[in-house]
Amino acid sequence: MNGHPILAVSRARGRAALLPMLLAAGGLLCLVSLGVGRYPIGIDDVLALLGAALGGPAHGRDATLEQVFWQLRLPRVLAALLVGAALAVSGACLQRAFRNPLAAPELLGVSAGAALGAALAILAGASVVVLQLSAFGGGLAAIALVLALGPLLATRDRLLGLILTGVAVSSLAGAMLTALIAFADPRSSLPAISFWMMGSFTSIPAGALGGLALALAFALVPLALLRWRIDALALGDDEAHAMGSSPHRLRLWVVVLAALATSAAVAVAGVIGWVGLIVPHLARMLAGAAFSRWLTASALLGAVFMLLIDTVCRAVGESELPPGVLAAFLGAPALFLLMRRGER
């Protein structure tokens, strides 16, 4: 019944309409999100400010409103979009590389390594730029350690060796982070580390956005060029060899690019879990298993999902809810529902 041509045509049309639908939903959500916060901005003001930036008539209204819009609200919206896309793309890459639906950026210790790097910078009293560079370096160091130690395990399955090493590196980084928290100053360093661990999109400088966008582009372009070969990883190593690919080398590149995207996201916004696990599942259900469609849908859906999370966090009350907390509240039941659907 699932192979009926009418059903196949219907699914193909639905997947073709997915991209315009996600773009339209994202654009509408951006307009709403730009006006939500402690300093509300009406939709008419949002449209007027955007129109003035595109060459329309000058806004000519409250200077405070324009400052909030250009220096706080717009960078925050762009950061949420980029971070969501980076985490979702990373999750999709890891799930395809390891042929494991539970693979996520947290699996290989990238998030924990980036958090440890950020905590070290906070304890040293470093600037925001140094903090972000330290987090980025910590994430890349964690994945480098996993890739170096994973092949040394005496396991027949190299994938299993990398996963086990990732779990060990993540636990080690978590233990070191806990030790730093124990010795942190409860009046200065401790709140800053705790705030970072929950994730945040406040006070993100424009330079950080440029670095995040550049890192995401460096990850997406090679993945798009290698999309047909990456599809072969889903068939197994023997089939990939038969199709002319080197699965071990290709998998290494996919994992490194996923780590690059995750490290850049954590360096800007802190640790935000569940996005790299849940969003790729939903994107695959909507777009199919072909990696080219899956990658695009994951990036767009991750951007929309993260922006929705941040908008709700700003709208719940006077005190903002950390996005990592809300993502966990939504991610846990979503994972259960997806697993139930998979069983059926």
C-alpha atoms as a PDB file:
ATOM      1  CA  MET A   1       0.000   0.000   0.000  1.00  0.00           C
ATOM      2  CA  ASN A   2       2.879   2.369   0.815  1.00  0.00           C
ATOM      3  CA  GLY A   3       4.266   1.858  -2.682  1.00  0.00           C
ATOM      4  CA  HIS A   4       1.099   2.976  -4.463  1.00  0.00           C
ATOM      5  CA  PRO A   5       1.979   5.532  -7.179  1.00  0.00           C
ATOM      6  CA  ILE A   6      -0.678   7.997  -5.994  1.00  0.00           C
ATOM      7  CA  LEU A   7       0.778   7.940  -2.491  1.00  0.00           C
ATOM      8  CA  ALA A   8       4.294   8.336  -3.892  1.00  0.00           C
ATOM      9  CA  VAL A   9       3.258  11.385  -5.926  1.00  0.00           C
ATOM     10  CA  SER A  10       1.518  12.859  -2.882  1.00  0.00           C
ATOM     11  CA  ARG A  11       4.631  12.421  -0.749  1.00  0.00           C
ATOM     12  CA  ALA A  12       6.822  13.961  -3.466  1.00  0.00           C
ATOM     13  CA  ARG A  13       4.551  17.013  -3.717  1.00  0.00           C
ATOM     14  CA  GLY A  14       4.510  17.381   0.059  1.00  0.00           C
ATOM     15  CA  ARG A  15       8.314  17.299   0.200  1.00  0.00           C
ATOM     16  CA  ALA A  16       8.557  19.835  -2.627  1.00  0.00           C
ATOM     17  CA  ALA A  17       6.303  22.202  -0.662  1.00  0.00           C
ATOM     18  CA  LEU A  18       8.274  21.727   2.556  1.00  0.00           C
ATOM     19  CA  LEU A  19      11.018  24.244   1.729  1.00  0.00           C
ATOM     20  CA  PRO A  20       8.656  27.152   0.874  1.00  0.00           C
ATOM     21  CA  MET A  21       6.556  26.356   3.949  1.00  0.00           C
ATOM     22  CA  LEU A  22       9.577  26.431   6.263  1.00  0.00           C
ATOM     23  CA  LEU A  23      10.834  29.667   4.705  1.00  0.00           C
ATOM     24  CA  ALA A  24       7.405  31.288   5.080  1.00  0.00           C
ATOM     25  CA  ALA A  25       7.078  30.080   8.683  1.00  0.00           C
ATOM     26  CA  GLY A  26      10.566  31.313   9.479  1.00  0.00           C
ATOM     27  CA  GLY A  27       9.934  34.738   7.960  1.00  0.00           C
ATOM     28  CA  LEU A  28       6.682  35.191   9.851  1.00  0.00           C
ATOM     29  CA  LEU A  29       8.272  34.035  13.105  1.00  0.00           C
ATOM     30  CA  CYS A  30      11.159  36.483  12.593  1.00  0.00           C
ATOM     31  CA  LEU A  31       8.725  39.408  12.354  1.00  0.00           C
ATOM     32  CA  VAL A  32       6.994  38.285  15.545  1.00  0.00           C
ATOM     33  CA  SER A  33      10.240  37.580  17.400  1.00  0.00           C
ATOM     34  CA  LEU A  34      11.724  40.976  16.527  1.00  0.00           C
ATOM     35  CA  GLY A  35       8.927  42.620  18.485  1.00  0.00           C
ATOM     36  CA  VAL A  36       8.886  40.356  21.557  1.00  0.00           C
ATOM     37  CA  GLY A  37      10.814  41.231  24.702  1.00  0.00           C
ATOM     38  CA  ARG A  38      10.975  43.522  27.692  1.00  0.00           C
ATOM     39  CA  TYR A  39      10.799  46.458  25.271  1.00  0.00           C
ATOM     40  CA  PRO A  40       7.917  45.493  22.934  1.00  0.00           C
ATOM     41  CA  ILE A  41       8.093  46.652  19.327  1.00  0.00           C
ATOM     42  CA  GLY A  42       4.986  46.685  17.177  1.00  0.00           C
ATOM     43  CA  ILE A  43       4.845  44.895  13.837  1.00  0.00           C
ATOM     44  CA  ASP A  44       4.389  48.216  12.033  1.00  0.00           C
ATOM     45  CA  ASP A  45       7.584  49.541  13.623  1.00  0.00           C
ATOM     46  CA  VAL A  46       9.446  46.337  12.754  1.00  0.00           C
ATOM     47  CA  LEU A  47       8.374  46.601   9.112  1.00  0.00           C
ATOM     48  CA  ALA A  48       9.235  50.319   9.018  1.00  0.00           C
ATOM     49  CA  LEU A  49      12.726  49.736  10.422  1.00  0.00           C
ATOM     50  CA  LEU A  50      13.411  46.882   8.004  1.00  0.00           C
ATOM     51  CA  GLY A  51      12.049  48.934   5.129  1.00  0.00           C
ATOM     52  CA  ALA A  52      14.294  51.868   6.023  1.00  0.00           C
ATOM     53  CA  ALA A  53      17.313  49.553   6.040  1.00  0.00           C
ATOM     54  CA  LEU A  54      16.378  48.359   2.525  1.00  0.00           C
ATOM     55  CA  GLY A  55      16.225  51.879   1.125  1.00  0.00           C
ATOM     56  CA  GLY A  56      12.721  52.917   2.119  1.00  0.00           C
ATOM     57  CA  PRO A  57      11.744  56.094   3.947  1.00  0.00           C
ATOM     58  CA  ALA A  58      13.490  56.788   7.252  1.00  0.00           C
ATOM     59  CA  HIS A  59      11.785  55.456  10.346  1.00  0.00           C
ATOM     60  CA  GLY A  60      12.016  58.749  12.225  1.00  0.00           C
ATOM     61  CA  ARG A  61      10.674  57.500  15.545  1.00  0.00           C
ATOM     62  CA  ASP A  62      11.975  56.760  19.028  1.00  0.00           C
ATOM     63  CA  ALA A  63      15.779  56.539  19.125  1.00  0.00           C
ATOM     64  CA  THR A  64      15.598  54.041  21.998  1.00  0.00           C
ATOM     65  CA  LEU A  65      13.359  51.805  19.912  1.00  0.00           C
ATOM     66  CA  GLU A  66      15.833  51.856  17.036  1.00  0.00           C
ATOM     67  CA  GLN A  67      18.736  51.102  19.366  1.00  0.00           C
ATOM     68  CA  VAL A  68      16.932  48.134  20.904  1.00  0.00           C
ATOM     69  CA  PHE A  69      15.996  46.834  17.463  1.00  0.00           C
ATOM     70  CA  TRP A  70      19.381  47.098  15.747  1.00  0.00           C
ATOM     71  CA  GLN A  71      21.748  46.410  18.658  1.00  0.00           C
ATOM     72  CA  LEU A  72      19.810  43.865  20.712  1.00  0.00           C
ATOM     73  CA  ARG A  73      16.786  42.335  19.035  1.00  0.00           C
ATOM     74  CA  LEU A  74      18.028  41.737  15.485  1.00  0.00           C
ATOM     75  CA  PRO A  75      21.403  40.192  16.522  1.00  0.00           C
ATOM     76  CA  ARG A  76      19.530  37.936  18.945  1.00  0.00           C
ATOM     77  CA  VAL A  77      17.123  36.707  16.270  1.00  0.00           C
ATOM     78  CA  LEU A  78      19.977  36.064  13.844  1.00  0.00           C
ATOM     79  CA  ALA A  79      21.926  34.212  16.558  1.00  0.00           C
ATOM     80  CA  ALA A  80      18.968  31.942  17.341  1.00  0.00           C
ATOM     81  CA  LEU A  81      18.531  31.125  13.643  1.00  0.00           C
ATOM     82  CA  LEU A  82      22.212  30.323  13.120  1.00  0.00           C
ATOM     83  CA  VAL A  83      22.610  28.315  16.333  1.00  0.00           C
ATOM     84  CA  GLY A  84      19.493  26.246  15.631  1.00  0.00           C
ATOM     85  CA  ALA A  85      20.634  25.510  12.082  1.00  0.00           C
ATOM     86  CA  ALA A  86      24.154  24.569  13.247  1.00  0.00           C
ATOM     87  CA  LEU A  87      22.973  22.180  15.977  1.00  0.00           C
ATOM     88  CA  ALA A  88      20.387  20.501  13.740  1.00  0.00           C
ATOM     89  CA  VAL A  89      22.855  20.066  10.873  1.00  0.00           C
ATOM     90  CA  SER A  90      25.393  18.601  13.280  1.00  0.00           C
ATOM     91  CA  GLY A  91      22.843  16.117  14.604  1.00  0.00           C
ATOM     92  CA  ALA A  92      21.802  15.024  11.100  1.00  0.00           C
ATOM     93  CA  CYS A  93      25.439  14.506  10.111  1.00  0.00           C
ATOM     94  CA  LEU A  94      26.235  12.411  13.170  1.00  0.00           C
ATOM     95  CA  GLN A  95      23.098  10.299  12.799  1.00  0.00           C
ATOM     96  CA  ARG A  96      24.012   9.530   9.191  1.00  0.00           C
ATOM     97  CA  ALA A  97      27.712   8.996   9.897  1.00  0.00           C
ATOM     98  CA  PHE A  98      27.108   6.569  12.770  1.00  0.00           C
ATOM     99  CA  ARG A  99      23.882   5.089  11.382  1.00  0.00           C
ATOM    100  CA  ASN A 100      22.468   5.686  14.839  1.00  0.00           C
ATOM    101  CA  PRO A 101      19.203   7.605  15.409  1.00  0.00           C
ATOM    102  CA  LEU A 102      20.349   8.589  18.908  1.00  0.00           C
ATOM    103  CA  ALA A 103      23.581  10.247  17.761  1.00  0.00           C
ATOM    104  CA  ALA A 104      23.785  13.908  18.782  1.00  0.00           C
ATOM    105  CA  PRO A 105      26.480  16.562  19.327  1.00  0.00           C
ATOM    106  CA  GLU A 106      26.574  15.621  22.994  1.00  0.00           C
ATOM    107  CA  LEU A 107      27.509  12.042  22.052  1.00  0.00           C
ATOM    108  CA  LEU A 108      31.079  12.813  20.988  1.00  0.00           C
ATOM    109  CA  GLY A 109      31.852  15.219  23.818  1.00  0.00           C
ATOM    110  CA  VAL A 110      31.795  18.328  21.635  1.00  0.00           C
ATOM    111  CA  SER A 111      29.306  20.208  23.793  1.00  0.00           C
ATOM    112  CA  ALA A 112      31.041  19.191  27.021  1.00  0.00           C
ATOM    113  CA  GLY A 113      34.446  20.196  25.656  1.00  0.00           C
ATOM    114  CA  ALA A 114      33.145  23.574  24.534  1.00  0.00           C
ATOM    115  CA  ALA A 115      31.511  24.137  27.928  1.00  0.00           C
ATOM    116  CA  LEU A 116      34.787  23.288  29.676  1.00  0.00           C
ATOM    117  CA  GLY A 117      36.686  25.748  27.488  1.00  0.00           C
ATOM    118  CA  ALA A 118      34.155  28.474  28.270  1.00  0.00           C
ATOM    119  CA  ALA A 119      34.341  27.760  32.006  1.00  0.00           C
ATOM    120  CA  LEU A 120      38.142  28.067  31.974  1.00  0.00           C
ATOM    121  CA  ALA A 121      37.861  31.441  30.242  1.00  0.00           C
ATOM    122  CA  ILE A 122      35.247  32.638  32.750  1.00  0.00           C
ATOM    123  CA  LEU A 123      37.448  31.652  35.690  1.00  0.00           C
ATOM    124  CA  ALA A 124      40.365  33.514  34.087  1.00  0.00           C
ATOM    125  CA  GLY A 125      38.230  36.642  33.745  1.00  0.00           C
ATOM    126  CA  ALA A 126      38.671  36.711  29.987  1.00  0.00           C
ATOM    127  CA  SER A 127      36.717  38.918  27.583  1.00  0.00           C
ATOM    128  CA  VAL A 128      33.688  37.736  25.648  1.00  0.00           C
ATOM    129  CA  VAL A 129      35.729  37.212  22.484  1.00  0.00           C
ATOM    130  CA  VAL A 130      38.344  35.129  24.315  1.00  0.00           C
ATOM    131  CA  LEU A 131      35.557  33.172  26.016  1.00  0.00           C
ATOM    132  CA  GLN A 132      34.018  32.275  22.668  1.00  0.00           C
ATOM    133  CA  LEU A 133      37.375  31.310  21.188  1.00  0.00           C
ATOM    134  CA  SER A 134      38.096  29.165  24.239  1.00  0.00           C
ATOM    135  CA  ALA A 135      34.748  27.402  23.917  1.00  0.00           C
ATOM    136  CA  PHE A 136      35.360  26.827  20.229  1.00  0.00           C
ATOM    137  CA  GLY A 137      38.813  25.412  20.921  1.00  0.00           C
ATOM    138  CA  GLY A 138      37.475  23.174  23.692  1.00  0.00           C
ATOM    139  CA  GLY A 139      34.895  21.622  21.367  1.00  0.00           C
ATOM    140  CA  LEU A 140      37.452  20.954  18.646  1.00  0.00           C
ATOM    141  CA  ALA A 141      39.917  19.560  21.209  1.00  0.00           C
ATOM    142  CA  ALA A 142      37.276  17.128  22.455  1.00  0.00           C
ATOM    143  CA  ILE A 143      36.517  15.773  18.990  1.00  0.00           C
ATOM    144  CA  ALA A 144      40.245  15.555  18.215  1.00  0.00           C
ATOM    145  CA  LEU A 145      40.741  13.477  21.362  1.00  0.00           C
ATOM    146  CA  VAL A 146      37.859  11.196  20.416  1.00  0.00           C
ATOM    147  CA  LEU A 147      39.201  10.670  16.896  1.00  0.00           C
ATOM    148  CA  ALA A 148      42.700   9.986  18.253  1.00  0.00           C
ATOM    149  CA  LEU A 149      41.693   7.515  20.991  1.00  0.00           C
ATOM    150  CA  GLY A 150      38.714   5.835  19.327  1.00  0.00           C
ATOM    151  CA  PRO A 151      40.728   3.659  16.901  1.00  0.00           C
ATOM    152  CA  LEU A 152      42.909   2.438  19.780  1.00  0.00           C
ATOM    153  CA  LEU A 153      40.029   0.533  21.340  1.00  0.00           C
ATOM    154  CA  ALA A 154      40.117  -3.188  20.597  1.00  0.00           C
ATOM    155  CA  THR A 155      36.619  -3.322  19.129  1.00  0.00           C
ATOM    156  CA  ARG A 156      35.633  -4.866  15.822  1.00  0.00           C
ATOM    157  CA  ASP A 157      33.223  -2.024  15.150  1.00  0.00           C
ATOM    158  CA  ARG A 158      35.041   1.286  14.644  1.00  0.00           C
ATOM    159  CA  LEU A 159      31.782   3.175  15.044  1.00  0.00           C
ATOM    160  CA  LEU A 160      31.247   1.610  18.454  1.00  0.00           C
ATOM    161  CA  GLY A 161      34.792   2.532  19.422  1.00  0.00           C
ATOM    162  CA  LEU A 162      34.247   6.181  18.534  1.00  0.00           C
ATOM    163  CA  ILE A 163      30.930   6.305  20.379  1.00  0.00           C
ATOM    164  CA  LEU A 164      32.390   4.739  23.535  1.00  0.00           C
ATOM    165  CA  THR A 165      35.350   7.112  23.392  1.00  0.00           C
ATOM    166  CA  GLY A 166      32.974  10.042  22.936  1.00  0.00           C
ATOM    167  CA  VAL A 167      31.019   9.030  26.006  1.00  0.00           C
ATOM    168  CA  ALA A 168      34.247   8.739  28.003  1.00  0.00           C
ATOM    169  CA  VAL A 169      35.577  12.119  26.826  1.00  0.00           C
ATOM    170  CA  SER A 170      32.227  13.742  27.551  1.00  0.00           C
ATOM    171  CA  SER A 171      32.209  12.283  31.070  1.00  0.00           C
ATOM    172  CA  LEU A 172      35.793  13.432  31.654  1.00  0.00           C
ATOM    173  CA  ALA A 173      35.015  16.958  30.480  1.00  0.00           C
ATOM    174  CA  GLY A 174      31.893  16.972  32.648  1.00  0.00           C
ATOM    175  CA  ALA A 175      33.897  15.887  35.700  1.00  0.00           C
ATOM    176  CA  MET A 176      36.484  18.612  35.090  1.00  0.00           C
ATOM    177  CA  LEU A 177      33.704  21.159  34.669  1.00  0.00           C
ATOM    178  CA  THR A 178      32.146  20.054  37.961  1.00  0.00           C
ATOM    179  CA  ALA A 179      35.513  20.475  39.671  1.00  0.00           C
ATOM    180  CA  LEU A 180      35.820  23.993  38.288  1.00  0.00           C
ATOM    181  CA  ILE A 181      32.325  24.831  39.511  1.00  0.00           C
ATOM    182  CA  ALA A 182      33.226  23.547  42.976  1.00  0.00           C
ATOM    183  CA  PHE A 183      36.163  25.961  43.199  1.00  0.00           C
ATOM    184  CA  ALA A 184      34.464  28.892  41.432  1.00  0.00           C
ATOM    185  CA  ASP A 185      33.680  32.115  43.266  1.00  0.00           C
ATOM    186  CA  PRO A 186      29.965  31.916  44.168  1.00  0.00           C
ATOM    187  CA  ARG A 187      29.603  35.696  43.759  1.00  0.00           C
ATOM    188  CA  SER A 188      31.101  36.068  40.264  1.00  0.00           C
ATOM    189  CA  SER A 189      32.381  33.040  38.359  1.00  0.00           C
ATOM    190  CA  LEU A 190      29.801  30.507  39.506  1.00  0.00           C
ATOM    191  CA  PRO A 191      26.720  32.415  38.264  1.00  0.00           C
ATOM    192  CA  ALA A 192      28.452  33.094  34.946  1.00  0.00           C
ATOM    193  CA  ILE A 193      29.314  29.407  34.431  1.00  0.00           C
ATOM    194  CA  SER A 194      25.818  28.292  35.409  1.00  0.00           C
ATOM    195  CA  PHE A 195      24.322  30.872  33.041  1.00  0.00           C
ATOM    196  CA  TRP A 196      26.531  29.567  30.221  1.00  0.00           C
ATOM    197  CA  MET A 197      25.553  25.957  30.927  1.00  0.00           C
ATOM    198  CA  MET A 198      21.857  26.812  30.473  1.00  0.00           C
ATOM    199  CA  GLY A 199      22.423  28.669  27.203  1.00  0.00           C
ATOM    200  CA  SER A 200      21.577  32.256  26.355  1.00  0.00           C
ATOM    201  CA  PHE A 201      21.149  34.584  23.373  1.00  0.00           C
ATOM    202  CA  THR A 202      21.601  37.838  25.288  1.00  0.00           C
ATOM    203  CA  SER A 203      24.410  40.289  24.558  1.00  0.00           C
ATOM    204  CA  ILE A 204      25.808  38.536  21.483  1.00  0.00           C
ATOM    205  CA  PRO A 205      28.227  40.856  19.622  1.00  0.00           C
ATOM    206  CA  ALA A 206      28.041  41.261  15.854  1.00  0.00           C
ATOM    207  CA  GLY A 207      31.519  39.801  15.456  1.00  0.00           C
ATOM    208  CA  ALA A 208      30.396  36.556  17.056  1.00  0.00           C
ATOM    209  CA  LEU A 209      27.541  36.314  14.549  1.00  0.00           C
ATOM    210  CA  GLY A 210      29.992  36.715  11.682  1.00  0.00           C
ATOM    211  CA  GLY A 211      32.204  33.957  13.056  1.00  0.00           C
ATOM    212  CA  LEU A 212      29.256  31.641  13.579  1.00  0.00           C
ATOM    213  CA  ALA A 213      27.927  32.255  10.061  1.00  0.00           C
ATOM    214  CA  LEU A 214      31.394  31.624   8.608  1.00  0.00           C
ATOM    215  CA  ALA A 215      31.828  28.372  10.556  1.00  0.00           C
ATOM    216  CA  LEU A 216      28.366  27.191   9.491  1.00  0.00           C
ATOM    217  CA  ALA A 217      29.188  27.974   5.857  1.00  0.00           C
ATOM    218  CA  PHE A 218      32.494  26.069   6.126  1.00  0.00           C
ATOM    219  CA  ALA A 219      30.512  23.064   7.377  1.00  0.00           C
ATOM    220  CA  LEU A 220      27.563  23.257   4.979  1.00  0.00           C
ATOM    221  CA  VAL A 221      29.414  23.756   1.694  1.00  0.00           C
ATOM    222  CA  PRO A 222      31.531  20.544   1.889  1.00  0.00           C
ATOM    223  CA  LEU A 223      28.526  18.592   3.190  1.00  0.00           C
ATOM    224  CA  ALA A 224      26.443  19.759   0.230  1.00  0.00           C
ATOM    225  CA  LEU A 225      29.214  18.836  -2.207  1.00  0.00           C
ATOM    226  CA  LEU A 226      29.607  15.383  -0.640  1.00  0.00           C
ATOM    227  CA  ARG A 227      25.860  14.727  -0.256  1.00  0.00           C
ATOM    228  CA  TRP A 228      25.720  11.829  -2.727  1.00  0.00           C
ATOM    229  CA  ARG A 229      28.663  10.044  -1.134  1.00  0.00           C
ATOM    230  CA  ILE A 230      27.287  10.648   2.355  1.00  0.00           C
ATOM    231  CA  ASP A 231      24.075   8.913   1.263  1.00  0.00           C
ATOM    232  CA  ALA A 232      26.152   5.770   0.736  1.00  0.00           C
ATOM    233  CA  LEU A 233      27.025   5.669   4.454  1.00  0.00           C
ATOM    234  CA  ALA A 234      23.436   4.662   5.197  1.00  0.00           C
ATOM    235  CA  LEU A 235      23.945   1.461   3.148  1.00  0.00           C
ATOM    236  CA  GLY A 236      26.935   0.205   5.124  1.00  0.00           C
ATOM    237  CA  ASP A 237      30.688   0.230   4.593  1.00  0.00           C
ATOM    238  CA  ASP A 238      30.758  -2.617   2.046  1.00  0.00           C
ATOM    239  CA  GLU A 239      28.171  -0.947  -0.170  1.00  0.00           C
ATOM    240  CA  ALA A 240      29.969   2.399   0.159  1.00  0.00           C
ATOM    241  CA  HIS A 241      33.222   0.750  -0.967  1.00  0.00           C
ATOM    242  CA  ALA A 242      31.423  -0.790  -3.922  1.00  0.00           C
ATOM    243  CA  MET A 243      30.173   2.677  -4.925  1.00  0.00           C
ATOM    244  CA  GLY A 244      33.720   4.039  -4.984  1.00  0.00           C
ATOM    245  CA  SER A 245      33.762   5.821  -1.611  1.00  0.00           C
ATOM    246  CA  SER A 246      36.106   5.452   1.331  1.00  0.00           C
ATOM    247  CA  PRO A 247      33.642   5.194   4.233  1.00  0.00           C
ATOM    248  CA  HIS A 248      36.182   5.671   7.023  1.00  0.00           C
ATOM    249  CA  ARG A 249      37.682   8.804   5.492  1.00  0.00           C
ATOM    250  CA  LEU A 250      34.268  10.167   4.556  1.00  0.00           C
ATOM    251  CA  ARG A 251      32.896   9.494   8.029  1.00  0.00           C
ATOM    252  CA  LEU A 252      35.872  11.298   9.549  1.00  0.00           C
ATOM    253  CA  TRP A 253      35.156  14.383   7.434  1.00  0.00           C
ATOM    254  CA  VAL A 254      31.462  14.345   8.341  1.00  0.00           C
ATOM    255  CA  VAL A 255      32.240  14.081  12.061  1.00  0.00           C
ATOM    256  CA  VAL A 256      34.804  16.918  11.912  1.00  0.00           C
ATOM    257  CA  LEU A 257      32.382  19.197  10.044  1.00  0.00           C
ATOM    258  CA  ALA A 258      29.628  18.388  12.551  1.00  0.00           C
ATOM    259  CA  ALA A 259      32.007  19.205  15.415  1.00  0.00           C
ATOM    260  CA  LEU A 260      32.903  22.499  13.734  1.00  0.00           C
ATOM    261  CA  ALA A 261      29.243  23.536  13.533  1.00  0.00           C
ATOM    262  CA  THR A 262      28.507  22.484  17.122  1.00  0.00           C
ATOM    263  CA  SER A 263      31.589  24.163  18.591  1.00  0.00           C
ATOM    264  CA  ALA A 264      30.755  27.428  16.850  1.00  0.00           C
ATOM    265  CA  ALA A 265      27.170  27.299  18.143  1.00  0.00           C
ATOM    266  CA  VAL A 266      28.177  26.517  21.736  1.00  0.00           C
ATOM    267  CA  ALA A 267      30.848  29.234  21.623  1.00  0.00           C
ATOM    268  CA  VAL A 268      28.156  31.827  20.894  1.00  0.00           C
ATOM    269  CA  ALA A 269      25.102  30.673  22.847  1.00  0.00           C
ATOM    270  CA  GLY A 270      26.316  28.197  25.457  1.00  0.00           C
ATOM    271  CA  VAL A 271      25.098  24.631  25.896  1.00  0.00           C
ATOM    272  CA  ILE A 272      21.644  23.969  24.414  1.00  0.00           C
ATOM    273  CA  GLY A 273      20.750  20.303  24.201  1.00  0.00           C
ATOM    274  CA  TRP A 274      18.103  18.242  22.391  1.00  0.00           C
ATOM    275  CA  VAL A 275      18.051  20.337  19.210  1.00  0.00           C
ATOM    276  CA  GLY A 276      20.637  18.147  17.484  1.00  0.00           C
ATOM    277  CA  LEU A 277      18.724  15.020  18.486  1.00  0.00           C
ATOM    278  CA  ILE A 278      15.059  15.883  17.938  1.00  0.00           C
ATOM    279  CA  VAL A 279      15.094  18.195  14.911  1.00  0.00           C
ATOM    280  CA  PRO A 280      16.903  15.777  12.525  1.00  0.00           C
ATOM    281  CA  HIS A 281      14.316  13.089  13.350  1.00  0.00           C
ATOM    282  CA  LEU A 282      11.465  15.420  12.487  1.00  0.00           C
ATOM    283  CA  ALA A 283      13.249  16.687   9.365  1.00  0.00           C
ATOM    284  CA  ARG A 284      13.763  13.138   8.129  1.00  0.00           C
ATOM    285  CA  MET A 285      10.084  12.346   8.654  1.00  0.00           C
ATOM    286  CA  LEU A 286       9.116  15.397   6.583  1.00  0.00           C
ATOM    287  CA  ALA A 287      11.807  15.454   3.894  1.00  0.00           C
ATOM    288  CA  GLY A 288      12.829  11.817   3.533  1.00  0.00           C
ATOM    289  CA  ALA A 289      16.116   9.984   4.051  1.00  0.00           C
ATOM    290  CA  ALA A 290      18.035  11.432   1.055  1.00  0.00           C
ATOM    291  CA  PHE A 291      20.836  13.422   2.657  1.00  0.00           C
ATOM    292  CA  SER A 292      20.513  16.477   0.397  1.00  0.00           C
ATOM    293  CA  ARG A 293      16.870  17.006   1.380  1.00  0.00           C
ATOM    294  CA  TRP A 294      17.480  15.903   4.962  1.00  0.00           C
ATOM    295  CA  LEU A 295      20.348  18.375   5.418  1.00  0.00           C
ATOM    296  CA  THR A 296      18.356  21.313   4.042  1.00  0.00           C
ATOM    297  CA  ALA A 297      15.250  20.479   6.056  1.00  0.00           C
ATOM    298  CA  SER A 298      17.301  20.022   9.242  1.00  0.00           C
ATOM    299  CA  ALA A 299      18.975  23.430   8.843  1.00  0.00           C
ATOM    300  CA  LEU A 300      15.691  25.274   8.202  1.00  0.00           C
ATOM    301  CA  LEU A 301      13.682  23.386  10.800  1.00  0.00           C
ATOM    302  CA  GLY A 302      16.446  23.805  13.387  1.00  0.00           C
ATOM    303  CA  ALA A 303      16.563  27.556  12.762  1.00  0.00           C
ATOM    304  CA  VAL A 304      12.784  27.905  13.097  1.00  0.00           C
ATOM    305  CA  PHE A 305      12.660  25.663  16.175  1.00  0.00           C
ATOM    306  CA  MET A 306      15.442  27.539  17.986  1.00  0.00           C
ATOM    307  CA  LEU A 307      13.914  30.923  17.194  1.00  0.00           C
ATOM    308  CA  LEU A 308      10.549  29.705  18.476  1.00  0.00           C
ATOM    309  CA  ILE A 309      12.210  28.505  21.690  1.00  0.00           C
ATOM    310  CA  ASP A 310      13.943  31.853  22.223  1.00  0.00           C
ATOM    311  CA  THR A 311      10.783  33.844  21.451  1.00  0.00           C
ATOM    312  CA  VAL A 312       8.765  31.869  23.991  1.00  0.00           C
ATOM    313  CA  CYS A 313      11.557  32.267  26.556  1.00  0.00           C
ATOM    314  CA  ARG A 314      11.359  36.057  26.168  1.00  0.00           C
ATOM    315  CA  ALA A 315       7.567  36.129  26.305  1.00  0.00           C
ATOM    316  CA  VAL A 316       6.930  34.030  29.437  1.00  0.00           C
ATOM    317  CA  GLY A 317       7.512  36.811  31.970  1.00  0.00           C
ATOM    318  CA  GLU A 318       9.846  39.408  33.376  1.00  0.00           C
ATOM    319  CA  SER A 319      12.625  36.856  33.955  1.00  0.00           C
ATOM    320  CA  GLU A 320      13.696  35.057  30.797  1.00  0.00           C
ATOM    321  CA  LEU A 321      13.612  31.272  30.792  1.00  0.00           C
ATOM    322  CA  PRO A 322      16.931  29.806  29.571  1.00  0.00           C
ATOM    323  CA  PRO A 323      16.487  28.256  26.092  1.00  0.00           C
ATOM    324  CA  GLY A 324      18.268  25.079  27.137  1.00  0.00           C
ATOM    325  CA  VAL A 325      15.647  24.465  29.826  1.00  0.00           C
ATOM    326  CA  LEU A 326      12.694  24.933  27.474  1.00  0.00           C
ATOM    327  CA  ALA A 327      14.372  22.817  24.784  1.00  0.00           C
ATOM    328  CA  ALA A 328      14.688  19.975  27.304  1.00  0.00           C
ATOM    329  CA  PHE A 329      11.044  20.342  28.356  1.00  0.00           C
ATOM    330  CA  LEU A 330       9.952  20.004  24.727  1.00  0.00           C
ATOM    331  CA  GLY A 331      12.635  17.543  23.636  1.00  0.00           C
ATOM    332  CA  ALA A 332      11.999  14.771  26.145  1.00  0.00           C
ATOM    333  CA  PRO A 333       8.308  14.170  25.289  1.00  0.00           C
ATOM    334  CA  ALA A 334       9.039  14.737  21.583  1.00  0.00           C
ATOM    335  CA  LEU A 335      11.655  11.976  21.658  1.00  0.00           C
ATOM    336  CA  PHE A 336       9.193   9.626  23.343  1.00  0.00           C
ATOM    337  CA  LEU A 337       6.535  10.335  20.707  1.00  0.00           C
ATOM    338  CA  LEU A 338       9.007   9.848  17.863  1.00  0.00           C
ATOM    339  CA  MET A 339      10.148   6.512  19.311  1.00  0.00           C
ATOM    340  CA  ARG A 340       6.536   5.377  19.704  1.00  0.00           C
ATOM    341  CA  ARG A 341       5.839   6.336  16.119  1.00  0.00           C
ATOM    342  CA  GLY A 342       8.927   4.440  14.978  1.00  0.00           C
ATOM    343  CA  GLU A 343       7.716   1.289  16.730  1.00  0.00           C
ATOM    344  CA  ARG A 344       4.359   1.504  14.969  1.00  0.00           C
END
